[in-house]
Amino acid sequence: MAPRWLRPDSSHAGSRKTVFSKAVVLAALGLGLAQGLPARALVPYVYVPQRQELEGAGLGIAQAAARLLRLGQAGDAARLAALTVQLLPDDPRGWVLLAEAQLRSNQLEQAGMALAKAKQLDPRNPGIWFAEGSLALRGGKPSEAITLLEQGLKLDKGNAGAYFDLGNARILLGQSGEALAAFERASSLRKGFWEALNNQGLVLFEQGKTKAAVQRWRQVLAIKPDAAEPSLALAAGLFTAGPEGRQEALDLASKALDSEPNYVLESYQKDQLWGPKLRSTTQELLLLPDLKPVVDRALANASPEGESSEDE
């Protein structure tokens, strides 16, 4: 087949077969008809996509990045999202997606720059304020996080994830009552939001409301039976209840540590916002002779990286 940049000879325009004259071919190749003339460099055909096609490609890549993010492949999602913003530099959604992927893959500085660009393009987008709040929370700035999250909630009062982050920030500041209210609001807005229920238990246990905390953790396990954190927390709660809850506590603790060995580390528990009372009770539980094989195995399998935890 002839190269696509060549045109058919006009004398054969009606023919099914494309026929090219020697003059047209030579001219198209830039060789010239006269012998002895130097050949000009061959310029290849380059297809330049139209704006609509670029936008379509950018949106397609964004969808693929979002799918990867949902699957937990944050690093790959960030790379695709970076392509999206190259193709759609004026679309704030792409910058928010990039920031979210970078945030989840611990590229915190880059996430901050992406969010700044997104806010410049769309300052009234509540998702941008929420993402900035999450970034501040990850950076150990709970007061700043609260300011950003509350600003976003003025624009979107029904965002469960924002209330969850707000509760975590309140815990870090020792504001247990406000934290509990934020977690309760989060679980009321999203059905099955087990993380918010779990954190209600964390706050209630520190407040001395052990029965209420145990109730929350049982609710969590009804939704997410294999979750390690509420299993171990519930074990600690049952351990304080006396001998009648001892066997269930042992079973739950064994299950939790086999599922996530890092929870054997008090430093890891602290990173997960466990208060001092729950951490102390859990350490007493883990000293029971019946749990020694499980604890030893968990200590052998716990990773040092777990001490600066990533989200489960």
Foldseek 3Di string as FASTA:
>chain_A
DDDPVADADPVCVVPPDGHHDPVRVCVQQQQDDDPPDDRDDGDDDDDDDDLVVLLVVLVVLLVVLVVCVVVVNLVVSLVSLVSSCVSVVLDLVSLLSNLVSCVQVVVLVSSVVSLVSSCVNPVLQLSSLLSVLVSCVLVVNLVSSLVSLVVSCVSPVLALVSLQSNLVSCLVVVNLVSSLVSLVSSCVSDPLPLVSLQVNLLSCVVVVNLVSSLVSLVVSCVSVVQALVSLQLNLLSLVVVPDVSNVSSLVSNLSNCVSPLQVLDLLLVVLVSRDPVSSVSSPVSCPDPVNVVSNVVSVVPHDPVSSNPRDD
